[in-house]
Amino acid sequence: MINRALPSPPSVRYPVENRIGKRGTALRKFIFVTGGVISGLGKGVVTASIGLLLKLQGYRVSLQKIDPYVNVDAGTMNPYEHGEVFVTADGKETDLDIGRYERFLNESLSASHYLTTGQVYWNVIRKERSGAFLGRTVQVIPHITDEIKRLIRLPVEENGGEIGVIEVGGTVGDIESLPFLEAIRQMKDELAPSETFFVHVTLLPRLHDSGEIKTKPTQHSVKELRAIGIQPDAIVARTGGALPESVKRKISLFCEVPEKNVIEDPELPLIYRVPLVLYEGGLLDSIAAGMQLEGSPPKLAPWRERVEAAEKRTGRVRVGIVGKYVKVRDSYISIREAFVHAGAAEGLDVDLEWIPSEAIASGGGEAYLSGIDGLLVPGGFGERGIEGKVEAVRFAREEGIPFFGICLGLQCAVIEFARNVLGIAGANSSEFDPETPDPVIALLPEQRGVTDKGGTMRLGSYPALLKEGSVIRSCYGKEGIEERHRHRYEFNPAYRERFEAKGMRMSGISPDGALVESVELEGHPWFVAVQFHPEFTSRFLDPHPLFRGFIRACQDRRSSSSSPC
């Protein structure tokens, strides 16, 4: 058990024997997080919180998301259905929970930390086609489950991890989840009892009329899990408030989980407080006891201080986000969280106003943007809503409103400038108008002829050099950067001289000088657009410098404006 009275842990925190597993191998343990009742319970936040707590204890932790979808990756998923597509540094298009893991751990994850049904079957079928199974019948058990187990162990082994925390997407009872649940059941039997731990996240609904908390959905969920052969070691119960001891006892009795291992997870306005709540509720104690982990308490002081700063922000700015997918906020979850990070660091509450780009196309910029302190135009694909984004950029440029463009936001800024400053009336992107006479945004040469979707763009981290004296360089404080990309189209270099002659500066360039990575406007209070996605590398304890610079500019505008907004 964790001794909360111990002093701060020393640099060497655990005896060597605690780091050694069976047969003298390095310590390798696995925590599996499953969900029941409904999807969207916050398994990703619980998984990230467990990973953070263990990391702050000194363990080398690996977080992994299992998506039961048949998609090979998340690249072709509709944002309205599945939220944002997050991109890792090595170019994997993943579920948004990978981004959440990175924001909590303050680490960059790789392609191996994301696993789908499609990837598993893809690998097994390719092996079968190459004759790897020597003519044997290929079956779900053992071939699919063996591949799942291999992929679960992979990120832990690749990165020298000691504890893998694996979130199994979906809910218990889903047909598509069954092979994954069977695989982790097998791992439970193959490993020592202290080498696996199962956390089950469930919903405890409260009846509106009586206020009574109902445990029956949790009981049925655990029953389904036990029928598969998995007994939860701990239950994290999502509730609308405090969890009464009587309810804990009932869950413990009917689900065969020790009462101390029933942990409440109440609704919170700030997800970054969840690790603190789970720690105070004893989840780390339960894991330590079940997995025979010994050590000092996690060093939570920096995290706690940042949480308190985020909850006590005194200033306020209002930022308009003009996008295509604003009806589903998870479509831009990394941007939303990057503003939380920057706001906590700057002492500012950032009010986000989500504005459909199509509304601006029909109603004009002034009707929707006149009261904002700053404008952000995020990424996206396809022609729908583009003219609204272009109009929003025009309004921000002409009114001196701080502007931040990301990916498609840069492309819209370039199109707007070409039309309204350079006088190129037909300027457009060849993505939206293949016949445009002036493709100021054009397809990369290596992308021509590509017809497959998913995994075929400029993906992952690429370097850029920032011009001396530029706004973006002052934000980063250095000349060379690396940021993540997800796009096919680029600024057309044939128009570069005309843009720079009229005041649009190419402030970030690829090291070979071929690609424009960022642009700025001379004489504007703050007008920065980037081809990459800085939101993907913002962390709770390490906010992204561009988001900090942008909200500072928004604060300056608000302070100098007489507008009551």
Protein backbone atom coordinates (compact mmCIF):
# COMPACT_ATOMS: atom_id res chain seq x y z
CA MET A 1 0.00 0.00 0.00
CA ILE A 2 1.08 3.60 -0.56
CA ASN A 3 2.25 5.38 2.57
CA ARG A 4 0.94 8.95 2.19
CA ALA A 5 3.12 10.14 5.07
CA LEU A 6 6.40 9.37 3.31
CA PRO A 7 8.60 12.30 2.20
CA SER A 8 9.22 13.17 -1.44
CA PRO A 9 10.52 10.09 -3.27
CA PRO A 10 14.26 9.85 -3.90
CA SER A 11 15.69 9.54 -7.40
CA VAL A 12 15.89 5.75 -7.05
CA ARG A 13 12.44 4.93 -5.80
CA TYR A 14 12.12 1.16 -5.83
CA PRO A 15 14.31 -1.77 -4.85
CA VAL A 16 15.74 -3.61 -7.83
CA GLU A 17 13.77 -6.74 -7.00
CA ASN A 18 10.50 -4.82 -7.44
CA ARG A 19 11.49 -4.09 -11.01
CA ILE A 20 12.01 -7.76 -11.93
CA GLY A 21 9.28 -10.06 -13.19
CA LYS A 22 9.11 -13.79 -13.74
CA ARG A 23 12.21 -15.61 -15.00
CA GLY A 24 14.35 -12.54 -14.31
CA THR A 25 12.79 -10.42 -17.03
CA ALA A 26 12.17 -6.69 -16.62
CA LEU A 27 9.01 -5.63 -14.81
CA ARG A 28 6.05 -5.74 -17.23
CA LYS A 29 2.56 -5.29 -15.85
CA PHE A 30 -0.73 -4.40 -17.53
CA ILE A 31 -3.78 -2.46 -16.40
CA PHE A 32 -6.88 -2.86 -18.55
CA VAL A 33 -9.65 -0.24 -18.51
CA THR A 34 -13.04 -1.43 -19.75
CA GLY A 35 -16.41 0.30 -19.88
CA GLY A 36 -19.98 -0.70 -19.35
CA VAL A 37 -23.57 0.54 -19.68
CA ILE A 38 -22.93 3.26 -22.29
CA SER A 39 -20.10 4.69 -24.34
CA GLY A 40 -18.68 8.13 -23.65
CA LEU A 41 -18.24 7.52 -19.90
CA GLY A 42 -14.75 8.98 -19.80
CA LYS A 43 -12.62 5.83 -19.97
CA GLY A 44 -9.99 7.87 -21.77
CA VAL A 45 -9.75 10.36 -18.91
CA VAL A 46 -9.56 7.53 -16.36
CA THR A 47 -6.86 5.78 -18.41
CA ALA A 48 -4.86 8.99 -18.78
CA SER A 49 -5.24 9.72 -15.07
CA ILE A 50 -3.97 6.27 -14.06
CA GLY A 51 -1.02 6.70 -16.40
CA LEU A 52 -0.20 10.11 -14.96
CA LEU A 53 -0.37 8.92 -11.35
CA LEU A 54 1.92 5.98 -12.05
CA LYS A 55 4.34 8.17 -14.00
CA LEU A 56 4.50 10.64 -11.12
CA GLN A 57 5.39 7.68 -8.88
CA GLY A 58 8.42 7.02 -11.06
CA TYR A 59 7.20 4.19 -13.27
CA ARG A 60 7.78 4.07 -17.01
CA VAL A 61 4.23 3.97 -18.31
CA SER A 62 2.80 3.18 -21.74
CA LEU A 63 -0.80 4.12 -22.62
CA GLN A 64 -2.67 2.42 -25.45
CA LYS A 65 -6.15 2.76 -26.97
CA ILE A 66 -7.97 -0.19 -28.52
CA ASP A 67 -10.68 0.84 -31.01
CA PRO A 68 -12.93 -2.07 -32.01
CA TYR A 69 -13.76 -0.43 -35.37
CA VAL A 70 -12.88 -2.31 -38.55
CA ASN A 71 -11.16 0.83 -39.86
CA VAL A 72 -7.40 0.35 -40.14
CA ASP A 73 -6.91 3.75 -38.53
CA ALA A 74 -9.03 6.82 -37.74
CA GLY A 75 -8.04 8.74 -40.86
CA THR A 76 -11.28 8.25 -42.79
CA MET A 77 -13.67 8.64 -39.85
CA ASN A 78 -16.23 11.44 -39.99
CA PRO A 79 -15.63 14.08 -37.26
CA TYR A 80 -19.38 14.23 -36.65
CA GLU A 81 -19.40 10.54 -35.72
CA HIS A 82 -16.08 10.06 -34.01
CA GLY A 83 -14.68 13.47 -33.13
CA GLU A 84 -11.23 14.70 -33.97
CA VAL A 85 -8.60 12.67 -35.77
CA PHE A 86 -5.40 13.04 -33.75
CA VAL A 87 -2.02 12.63 -35.46
CA THR A 88 1.05 11.23 -33.70
CA ALA A 89 4.58 12.47 -34.33
CA ASP A 90 5.30 9.45 -36.54
CA GLY A 91 2.22 10.10 -38.67
CA LYS A 92 -0.46 7.73 -37.33
CA GLU A 93 -4.05 8.97 -37.63
CA THR A 94 -5.66 7.97 -34.34
CA ASP A 95 -8.64 8.34 -32.06
CA LEU A 96 -8.84 11.54 -30.01
CA ASP A 97 -7.98 9.65 -26.80
CA ILE A 98 -4.34 9.38 -27.93
CA GLY A 99 -4.25 13.17 -27.81
CA ARG A 100 -5.72 13.07 -24.32
CA TYR A 101 -3.01 10.65 -23.20
CA GLU A 102 -0.31 12.95 -24.57
CA ARG A 103 -1.80 16.01 -22.88
CA PHE A 104 -1.85 14.26 -19.49
CA LEU A 105 1.51 12.49 -19.71
CA ASN A 106 3.33 15.38 -21.42
CA GLU A 107 4.84 12.79 -23.78
CA SER A 108 4.61 12.02 -27.47
CA LEU A 109 3.14 8.63 -28.30
CA SER A 110 3.67 6.58 -31.45
CA ALA A 111 1.63 4.53 -33.91
CA SER A 112 1.94 1.42 -31.74
CA HIS A 113 -0.14 3.06 -29.00
CA TYR A 114 -3.27 2.89 -31.17
CA LEU A 115 -4.86 -0.42 -32.15
CA THR A 116 -7.94 -1.21 -34.24
CA THR A 117 -9.79 -4.30 -35.40
CA GLY A 118 -8.89 -3.41 -38.97
CA GLN A 119 -5.19 -3.28 -38.13
CA VAL A 120 -5.32 -6.66 -36.39
CA TYR A 121 -7.11 -8.42 -39.26
CA TRP A 122 -4.95 -6.61 -41.83
CA ASN A 123 -1.82 -8.00 -40.17
CA VAL A 124 -3.17 -11.55 -39.84
CA ILE A 125 -4.50 -11.67 -43.42
CA ARG A 126 -1.17 -10.47 -44.81
CA LYS A 127 0.59 -13.21 -42.83
CA GLU A 128 -1.87 -15.79 -44.16
CA ARG A 129 -1.35 -14.63 -47.76
CA SER A 130 2.41 -14.94 -47.35
CA GLY A 131 2.08 -18.51 -46.07
CA ALA A 132 3.13 -17.75 -42.50
CA PHE A 133 0.59 -20.19 -41.03
CA LEU A 134 1.81 -23.15 -43.09
CA GLY A 135 -1.61 -24.06 -44.43
CA ARG A 136 -3.36 -24.17 -41.08
CA THR A 137 -6.91 -22.86 -40.71
CA VAL A 138 -6.72 -19.24 -39.53
CA GLN A 139 -9.19 -18.57 -36.71
CA VAL A 140 -10.18 -15.83 -34.28
CA ILE A 141 -8.73 -18.01 -31.52
CA PRO A 142 -5.77 -18.31 -31.46
CA HIS A 143 -4.56 -16.29 -34.44
CA ILE A 144 -6.49 -13.04 -34.01
CA THR A 145 -6.15 -13.06 -30.22
CA ASP A 146 -2.43 -13.83 -30.49
CA GLU A 147 -1.97 -10.83 -32.77
CA ILE A 148 -3.92 -8.64 -30.34
CA LYS A 149 -1.69 -9.75 -27.47
CA ARG A 150 1.42 -9.06 -29.53
CA LEU A 151 0.22 -5.55 -30.35
CA ILE A 152 -0.70 -4.87 -26.71
CA ARG A 153 2.82 -5.78 -25.59
CA LEU A 154 4.50 -3.92 -28.46
CA PRO A 155 4.50 -0.29 -27.17
CA VAL A 156 5.59 -1.41 -23.70
CA GLU A 157 8.50 -3.41 -25.11
CA GLU A 158 9.46 -0.78 -27.70
CA ASN A 159 9.79 1.99 -25.13
CA GLY A 160 11.16 0.04 -22.19
CA GLY A 161 7.90 0.44 -20.33
CA GLU A 162 7.16 -1.14 -16.98
CA ILE A 163 3.39 -0.74 -16.83
CA GLY A 164 1.03 -0.69 -19.78
CA VAL A 165 -2.38 0.93 -19.31
CA ILE A 166 -4.74 -0.21 -22.05
CA GLU A 167 -8.17 1.28 -22.71
CA VAL A 168 -10.58 -1.09 -24.46
CA GLY A 169 -12.97 1.08 -26.48
CA GLY A 170 -16.69 0.51 -26.67
CA THR A 171 -18.70 -1.27 -23.99
CA VAL A 172 -18.84 -4.79 -22.61
CA GLY A 173 -21.29 -6.78 -24.71
CA ASP A 174 -20.38 -5.15 -28.03
CA ILE A 175 -19.82 -7.88 -30.62
CA GLU A 176 -16.80 -6.14 -32.08
CA SER A 177 -15.09 -5.95 -28.66
CA LEU A 178 -15.24 -9.68 -27.97
CA PRO A 179 -11.88 -10.69 -29.55
CA PHE A 180 -10.11 -7.99 -27.54
CA LEU A 181 -11.77 -9.01 -24.29
CA GLU A 182 -10.87 -12.62 -24.98
CA ALA A 183 -7.26 -11.60 -25.63
CA ILE A 184 -6.93 -9.72 -22.35
CA ARG A 185 -8.62 -12.62 -20.55
CA GLN A 186 -5.90 -14.85 -21.94
CA MET A 187 -3.23 -12.42 -20.77
CA LYS A 188 -4.72 -12.56 -17.27
CA ASP A 189 -4.31 -16.35 -17.29
CA GLU A 190 -0.84 -16.27 -18.85
CA LEU A 191 0.62 -13.71 -16.43
CA ALA A 192 1.03 -13.82 -12.67
CA PRO A 193 -1.91 -12.51 -10.59
CA SER A 194 0.05 -9.36 -9.70
CA GLU A 195 0.85 -8.62 -13.35
CA THR A 196 -2.66 -7.66 -14.47
CA PHE A 197 -5.31 -5.36 -13.01
CA PHE A 198 -8.78 -4.67 -14.40
CA VAL A 199 -10.53 -1.32 -13.93
CA HIS A 200 -14.17 -1.20 -15.01
CA VAL A 201 -15.80 2.20 -15.60
CA THR A 202 -19.57 2.27 -15.22
CA LEU A 203 -22.44 4.72 -14.96
CA LEU A 204 -24.56 5.09 -11.82
CA PRO A 205 -27.71 6.89 -13.00
CA ARG A 206 -29.69 8.95 -10.52
CA LEU A 207 -33.48 8.99 -10.85
CA HIS A 208 -34.79 12.50 -11.31
CA ASP A 209 -37.91 12.14 -9.18
CA SER A 210 -36.57 10.24 -6.17
CA GLY A 211 -32.88 11.15 -6.39
CA GLU A 212 -32.06 7.47 -5.91
CA ILE A 213 -28.81 6.15 -7.38
CA LYS A 214 -29.36 2.90 -9.28
CA THR A 215 -26.66 0.22 -9.28
CA LYS A 216 -28.45 -2.33 -11.49
CA PRO A 217 -26.78 -1.17 -14.76
CA THR A 218 -23.39 -1.60 -13.10
CA GLN A 219 -24.34 -5.06 -11.84
CA HIS A 220 -25.40 -6.17 -15.32
CA SER A 221 -22.26 -4.73 -16.88
CA VAL A 222 -20.03 -6.61 -14.46
CA LYS A 223 -22.09 -9.76 -15.01
CA GLU A 224 -21.39 -9.52 -18.76
CA LEU A 225 -17.69 -9.03 -18.08
CA ARG A 226 -17.53 -11.99 -15.71
CA ALA A 227 -19.30 -14.18 -18.26
CA ILE A 228 -16.36 -13.49 -20.58
CA GLY A 229 -13.98 -14.59 -17.84
CA ILE A 230 -12.85 -11.23 -16.47
CA GLN A 231 -13.46 -10.17 -12.87
CA PRO A 232 -12.94 -6.43 -12.29
CA ASP A 233 -10.41 -5.56 -9.58
CA ALA A 234 -11.76 -2.01 -9.23
CA ILE A 235 -14.87 -0.16 -10.34
CA VAL A 236 -14.76 3.52 -11.19
CA ALA A 237 -18.33 4.80 -10.91
CA ARG A 238 -19.35 7.87 -12.87
CA THR A 239 -21.84 9.83 -10.78
CA GLY A 240 -23.43 13.24 -10.69
CA GLY A 241 -22.14 13.83 -7.16
CA ALA A 242 -20.79 12.13 -4.05
CA LEU A 243 -21.15 8.35 -3.89
CA PRO A 244 -22.85 7.24 -0.63
CA GLU A 245 -21.15 4.49 1.37
CA SER A 246 -24.34 2.43 1.17
CA VAL A 247 -24.11 2.41 -2.63
CA LYS A 248 -20.44 1.45 -2.48
CA ARG A 249 -21.31 -1.48 -0.21
CA LYS A 250 -24.04 -2.61 -2.57
CA ILE A 251 -21.74 -2.52 -5.59
CA SER A 252 -19.07 -4.35 -3.62
CA LEU A 253 -21.51 -7.07 -2.57
CA PHE A 254 -23.08 -7.76 -5.96
CA CYS A 255 -19.96 -7.29 -8.08
CA GLU A 256 -17.45 -9.04 -5.77
CA VAL A 257 -15.14 -6.05 -5.65
CA PRO A 258 -13.65 -4.88 -2.33
CA GLU A 259 -15.52 -1.83 -1.08
CA LYS A 260 -12.32 0.22 -0.97
CA ASN A 261 -11.90 -0.54 -4.67
CA VAL A 262 -15.20 1.14 -5.60
CA ILE A 263 -14.06 4.62 -6.58
CA GLU A 264 -16.33 7.57 -7.31
CA ASP A 265 -15.70 9.68 -10.40
CA PRO A 266 -18.03 12.69 -10.16
CA GLU A 267 -18.87 15.14 -12.91
CA LEU A 268 -16.20 17.85 -12.93
CA PRO A 269 -15.94 21.08 -14.93
CA LEU A 270 -12.20 20.49 -15.49
CA ILE A 271 -11.02 17.02 -16.54
CA TYR A 272 -7.49 17.71 -15.27
CA ARG A 273 -8.78 17.45 -11.69
CA VAL A 274 -9.77 13.81 -12.27
CA PRO A 275 -6.30 12.38 -11.40
CA LEU A 276 -6.44 14.20 -8.07
CA VAL A 277 -9.96 12.93 -7.35
CA LEU A 278 -9.07 9.33 -8.24
CA TYR A 279 -5.92 9.51 -6.13
CA GLU A 280 -7.80 10.90 -3.15
CA GLY A 281 -10.44 8.21 -3.67
CA GLY A 282 -7.81 5.50 -3.28
CA LEU A 283 -7.56 4.12 -6.82
CA LEU A 284 -3.77 4.20 -6.80
CA ASP A 285 -3.78 2.40 -3.44
CA SER A 286 -6.01 -0.30 -4.93
CA ILE A 287 -3.73 -0.72 -7.95
CA ALA A 288 -0.63 -0.81 -5.76
CA ALA A 289 -2.12 -3.52 -3.55
CA GLY A 290 -3.37 -5.63 -6.45
CA MET A 291 -0.16 -5.40 -8.48
CA GLN A 292 2.26 -5.49 -5.53
CA LEU A 293 3.70 -2.07 -6.28
CA GLU A 294 5.62 -0.25 -3.58
CA GLY A 295 6.70 3.34 -3.52
CA SER A 296 6.25 6.86 -2.36
CA PRO A 297 3.24 9.02 -3.21
CA PRO A 298 3.24 10.61 -6.66
CA LYS A 299 4.66 14.11 -6.95
CA LEU A 300 1.38 15.89 -7.59
CA ALA A 301 2.31 19.43 -6.52
CA PRO A 302 2.98 20.90 -10.03
CA TRP A 303 -0.17 19.27 -11.40
CA ARG A 304 -2.28 20.45 -8.46
CA GLU A 305 -0.95 23.99 -8.78
CA ARG A 306 -1.82 24.13 -12.48
CA VAL A 307 -5.32 22.73 -11.81
CA GLU A 308 -5.93 25.40 -9.19
CA ALA A 309 -4.64 28.07 -11.57
CA ALA A 310 -7.02 26.83 -14.26
CA GLU A 311 -9.94 27.00 -11.83
CA LYS A 312 -9.09 30.49 -10.53
CA ARG A 313 -8.51 32.47 -13.72
CA THR A 314 -9.27 36.14 -13.25
CA GLY A 315 -9.09 37.65 -16.76
CA ARG A 316 -11.34 36.80 -19.69
CA VAL A 317 -11.13 36.88 -23.48
CA ARG A 318 -13.65 35.84 -26.09
CA VAL A 319 -12.42 33.85 -29.11
CA GLY A 320 -14.54 33.01 -32.13
CA ILE A 321 -13.85 29.66 -33.81
CA VAL A 322 -15.23 29.54 -37.33
CA GLY A 323 -15.33 25.91 -38.41
CA LYS A 324 -17.18 23.26 -40.39
CA TYR A 325 -17.78 20.78 -37.58
CA VAL A 326 -18.73 23.04 -34.66
CA LYS A 327 -21.93 21.09 -33.91
CA VAL A 328 -19.71 18.39 -32.38
CA ARG A 329 -17.16 20.05 -30.09
CA ASP A 330 -15.00 16.92 -29.93
CA SER A 331 -14.22 17.60 -33.61
CA TYR A 332 -11.86 20.30 -32.33
CA ILE A 333 -11.02 18.84 -28.92
CA SER A 334 -7.26 19.50 -29.15
CA ILE A 335 -7.90 23.16 -29.96
CA ARG A 336 -10.36 23.45 -27.08
CA GLU A 337 -7.88 21.90 -24.67
CA ALA A 338 -4.99 24.02 -25.98
CA PHE A 339 -6.98 27.10 -24.96
CA VAL A 340 -7.51 25.58 -21.50
CA HIS A 341 -3.75 25.04 -21.20
CA ALA A 342 -2.83 28.52 -22.41
CA GLY A 343 -5.56 30.17 -20.35
CA ALA A 344 -4.39 28.47 -17.15
CA ALA A 345 -0.81 29.60 -17.80
CA GLU A 346 -1.85 33.20 -18.60
CA GLY A 347 -4.52 33.52 -15.92
CA LEU A 348 -7.25 33.94 -18.53
CA ASP A 349 -10.64 32.32 -18.97
CA VAL A 350 -11.00 31.78 -22.71
CA ASP A 351 -14.65 31.85 -23.77
CA LEU A 352 -14.97 29.96 -27.04
CA GLU A 353 -17.75 30.98 -29.42
CA TRP A 354 -18.37 28.21 -31.95
CA ILE A 355 -19.55 29.72 -35.23
CA PRO A 356 -20.59 27.63 -38.26
CA SER A 357 -18.68 28.83 -41.30
CA GLU A 358 -21.77 28.43 -43.47
CA ALA A 359 -23.61 30.94 -41.26
CA ILE A 360 -20.99 33.58 -42.01
CA ALA A 361 -21.18 32.77 -45.71
CA SER A 362 -24.87 33.67 -45.66
CA GLY A 363 -25.00 36.31 -42.91
CA GLY A 364 -21.65 38.10 -43.22
CA GLY A 365 -18.78 38.52 -40.78
CA GLU A 366 -20.02 41.55 -38.85
CA ALA A 367 -23.16 39.78 -37.64
CA TYR A 368 -21.13 37.04 -35.94
CA LEU A 369 -17.66 38.43 -35.29
CA SER A 370 -18.01 42.05 -34.18
CA GLY A 371 -17.94 41.18 -30.47
CA ILE A 372 -14.96 38.82 -30.37
CA ASP A 373 -11.43 39.52 -29.12
CA GLY A 374 -9.80 37.06 -31.52
CA LEU A 375 -10.60 34.71 -34.40
CA LEU A 376 -9.34 31.19 -35.00
CA VAL A 377 -10.01 29.29 -38.23
CA PRO A 378 -9.15 25.57 -37.75
CA GLY A 379 -8.42 22.74 -40.17
CA GLY A 380 -10.82 20.73 -42.26
CA PHE A 381 -11.38 19.11 -45.63
CA GLY A 382 -13.70 19.72 -48.56
CA GLU A 383 -15.41 22.73 -50.15
CA ARG A 384 -18.36 23.11 -47.78
CA GLY A 385 -18.18 26.26 -45.67
CA ILE A 386 -14.99 27.59 -47.27
CA GLU A 387 -16.46 30.91 -48.39
CA GLY A 388 -17.61 31.57 -44.84
CA LYS A 389 -14.10 31.00 -43.55
CA VAL A 390 -12.66 33.28 -46.21
CA GLU A 391 -15.14 36.00 -45.25
CA ALA A 392 -14.25 35.58 -41.58
CA VAL A 393 -10.55 36.06 -42.38
CA ARG A 394 -11.35 39.21 -44.38
CA PHE A 395 -13.27 40.68 -41.47
CA ALA A 396 -10.47 39.95 -38.99
CA ARG A 397 -7.81 41.36 -41.33
CA GLU A 398 -9.66 44.58 -42.04
CA GLU A 399 -10.87 45.14 -38.46
CA GLY A 400 -7.49 44.42 -36.84
CA ILE A 401 -8.84 41.47 -34.86
CA PRO A 402 -6.12 39.01 -33.75
CA PHE A 403 -6.25 36.08 -36.17
CA PHE A 404 -4.90 32.54 -35.83
CA GLY A 405 -5.21 30.17 -38.81
CA ILE A 406 -4.46 26.46 -38.57
CA CYS A 407 -3.93 24.23 -41.64
CA LEU A 408 -7.04 25.02 -43.72
CA GLY A 409 -7.09 28.31 -41.82
CA LEU A 410 -3.79 29.26 -43.46
CA GLN A 411 -5.12 28.28 -46.86
CA CYS A 412 -8.25 30.40 -46.39
CA ALA A 413 -6.07 33.34 -45.30
CA VAL A 414 -3.99 32.97 -48.47
CA ILE A 415 -7.09 32.79 -50.68
CA GLU A 416 -8.64 35.84 -49.00
CA PHE A 417 -5.45 37.90 -49.35
CA ALA A 418 -5.07 36.94 -53.00
CA ARG A 419 -8.63 37.97 -53.83
CA ASN A 420 -8.98 41.14 -51.78
CA VAL A 421 -5.43 42.53 -51.58
CA LEU A 422 -3.69 41.20 -54.70
CA GLY A 423 -6.86 41.57 -56.80
CA ILE A 424 -6.81 37.99 -58.09
CA ALA A 425 -10.57 37.49 -58.25
CA GLY A 426 -10.47 33.82 -59.20
CA ALA A 427 -7.89 32.77 -56.63
CA ASN A 428 -8.73 29.50 -54.94
CA SER A 429 -7.42 26.12 -53.88
CA SER A 430 -7.36 23.38 -56.48
CA GLU A 431 -9.01 21.22 -53.81
CA PHE A 432 -12.15 23.35 -53.99
CA ASP A 433 -11.98 24.36 -57.65
CA PRO A 434 -9.81 22.11 -59.83
CA GLU A 435 -10.35 24.51 -62.74
CA THR A 436 -9.34 27.72 -60.98
CA PRO A 437 -7.04 29.88 -63.14
CA ASP A 438 -5.10 30.93 -60.04
CA PRO A 439 -4.45 27.97 -57.68
CA VAL A 440 -2.73 29.87 -54.86
CA ILE A 441 -3.14 26.63 -52.88
CA ALA A 442 -2.22 23.55 -54.91
CA LEU A 443 -1.72 19.83 -54.61
CA LEU A 444 1.71 18.54 -53.67
CA PRO A 445 3.39 16.90 -56.70
CA GLU A 446 3.74 13.60 -54.83
CA GLN A 447 0.00 13.63 -54.08
CA ARG A 448 -1.07 13.74 -57.71
CA GLY A 449 -2.60 10.45 -58.75
CA VAL A 450 -3.26 9.31 -55.18
CA THR A 451 -6.78 7.90 -54.93
CA ASP A 452 -6.71 6.02 -51.60
CA LYS A 453 -8.00 7.80 -48.52
CA GLY A 454 -6.34 7.66 -45.12
CA GLY A 455 -2.61 7.60 -44.46
CA THR A 456 -1.81 9.23 -47.81
CA MET A 457 -1.22 12.85 -46.78
CA ARG A 458 1.71 14.75 -45.32
CA LEU A 459 1.37 13.27 -41.85
CA GLY A 460 3.37 13.57 -38.65
CA SER A 461 6.19 15.86 -37.54
CA TYR A 462 8.15 17.95 -40.01
CA PRO A 463 10.79 20.62 -39.32
CA ALA A 464 10.51 24.31 -40.16
CA LEU A 465 12.77 27.34 -39.92
CA LEU A 466 11.33 30.59 -38.57
CA LYS A 467 12.32 34.00 -39.93
CA GLU A 468 14.15 36.34 -37.62
CA GLY A 469 11.96 39.20 -36.41
CA SER A 470 8.72 37.31 -37.07
CA VAL A 471 5.86 37.04 -34.58
CA ILE A 472 5.96 33.26 -34.70
CA ARG A 473 9.67 33.16 -33.89
CA SER A 474 9.13 35.49 -30.93
CA CYS A 475 6.46 33.08 -29.64
CA TYR A 476 8.66 29.98 -29.93
CA GLY A 477 11.84 31.76 -28.92
CA LYS A 478 13.94 29.73 -31.37
CA GLU A 479 14.67 29.37 -35.07
CA GLY A 480 13.99 25.67 -35.64
CA ILE A 481 10.80 23.84 -34.73
CA GLU A 482 9.05 20.56 -35.45
CA GLU A 483 5.26 20.37 -35.70
CA ARG A 484 2.69 17.84 -36.87
CA HIS A 485 0.90 17.97 -40.21
CA ARG A 486 -2.21 16.45 -41.75
CA HIS A 487 -2.92 17.77 -45.24
CA ARG A 488 -2.35 17.34 -48.96
CA TYR A 489 -2.42 20.89 -50.33
CA GLU A 490 0.24 23.58 -49.96
CA PHE A 491 0.89 27.25 -50.66
CA ASN A 492 1.77 27.56 -54.35
CA PRO A 493 5.36 28.94 -54.51
CA ALA A 494 4.68 30.52 -57.93
CA TYR A 495 2.77 33.29 -56.11
CA ARG A 496 5.20 33.87 -53.26
CA GLU A 497 6.83 37.07 -54.53
CA ARG A 498 3.46 38.73 -55.20
CA PHE A 499 2.26 37.98 -51.68
CA GLU A 500 5.40 39.24 -49.98
CA ALA A 501 5.39 42.42 -52.06
CA LYS A 502 1.99 43.30 -50.59
CA GLY A 503 2.83 42.52 -46.95
CA MET A 504 2.13 38.82 -46.39
CA ARG A 505 5.35 37.47 -44.98
CA MET A 506 6.38 33.83 -45.33
CA SER A 507 7.59 33.56 -41.73
CA GLY A 508 8.11 29.79 -41.58
CA ILE A 509 9.73 27.71 -44.32
CA SER A 510 10.73 24.06 -44.65
CA PRO A 511 14.51 23.55 -44.32
CA ASP A 512 14.85 22.99 -48.08
CA GLY A 513 13.01 26.25 -48.78
CA ALA A 514 10.31 24.55 -50.82
CA LEU A 515 7.27 24.66 -48.51
CA VAL A 516 5.60 27.56 -46.72
CA GLU A 517 4.82 26.55 -43.14
CA SER A 518 3.53 29.87 -41.76
CA VAL A 519 2.49 33.34 -42.92
CA GLU A 520 2.03 36.67 -41.16
CA LEU A 521 0.69 40.10 -42.04
CA GLU A 522 2.86 43.13 -41.56
CA GLY A 523 1.19 45.98 -39.71
CA HIS A 524 -1.56 43.83 -38.20
CA PRO A 525 -1.87 43.50 -34.38
CA TRP A 526 -1.53 39.69 -34.56
CA PHE A 527 -2.11 37.76 -37.77
CA VAL A 528 -0.43 34.34 -37.84
CA ALA A 529 -1.45 31.31 -39.88
CA VAL A 530 0.34 27.96 -39.89
CA GLN A 531 0.10 24.93 -42.16
CA PHE A 532 0.70 22.55 -39.26
CA HIS A 533 -1.40 21.67 -36.20
CA PRO A 534 0.12 23.24 -33.06
CA GLU A 535 -2.84 22.06 -30.97
CA PHE A 536 -1.54 18.49 -31.20
CA THR A 537 1.55 19.32 -29.13
CA SER A 538 -0.03 21.48 -26.44
CA ARG A 539 0.12 19.95 -22.95
CA PHE A 540 -1.56 20.83 -19.67
CA LEU A 541 1.80 21.48 -17.99
CA ASP A 542 3.42 22.77 -21.18
CA PRO A 543 0.99 25.01 -23.12
CA HIS A 544 1.76 25.70 -26.75
CA PRO A 545 3.53 29.05 -27.30
CA LEU A 546 1.35 30.04 -30.26
CA PHE A 547 -1.84 29.68 -28.25
CA ARG A 548 -0.30 31.70 -25.42
CA GLY A 549 0.81 34.40 -27.84
CA PHE A 550 -2.62 34.49 -29.48
CA ILE A 551 -4.62 34.90 -26.26
CA ARG A 552 -2.17 37.58 -25.08
CA ALA A 553 -2.98 39.48 -28.26
CA CYS A 554 -6.69 38.92 -27.58
CA GLN A 555 -6.25 40.30 -24.09
CA ASP A 556 -4.45 43.36 -25.45
CA ARG A 557 -7.32 44.03 -27.83
CA ARG A 558 -9.88 43.59 -25.08
CA SER A 559 -7.98 45.90 -22.75
CA SER A 560 -7.69 48.65 -25.36
CA SER A 561 -11.26 48.33 -26.64
CA SER A 562 -14.21 50.26 -25.32
CA SER A 563 -16.52 47.47 -26.48
CA PRO A 564 -18.56 45.90 -23.64
CA CYS A 565 -17.83 42.40 -25.04
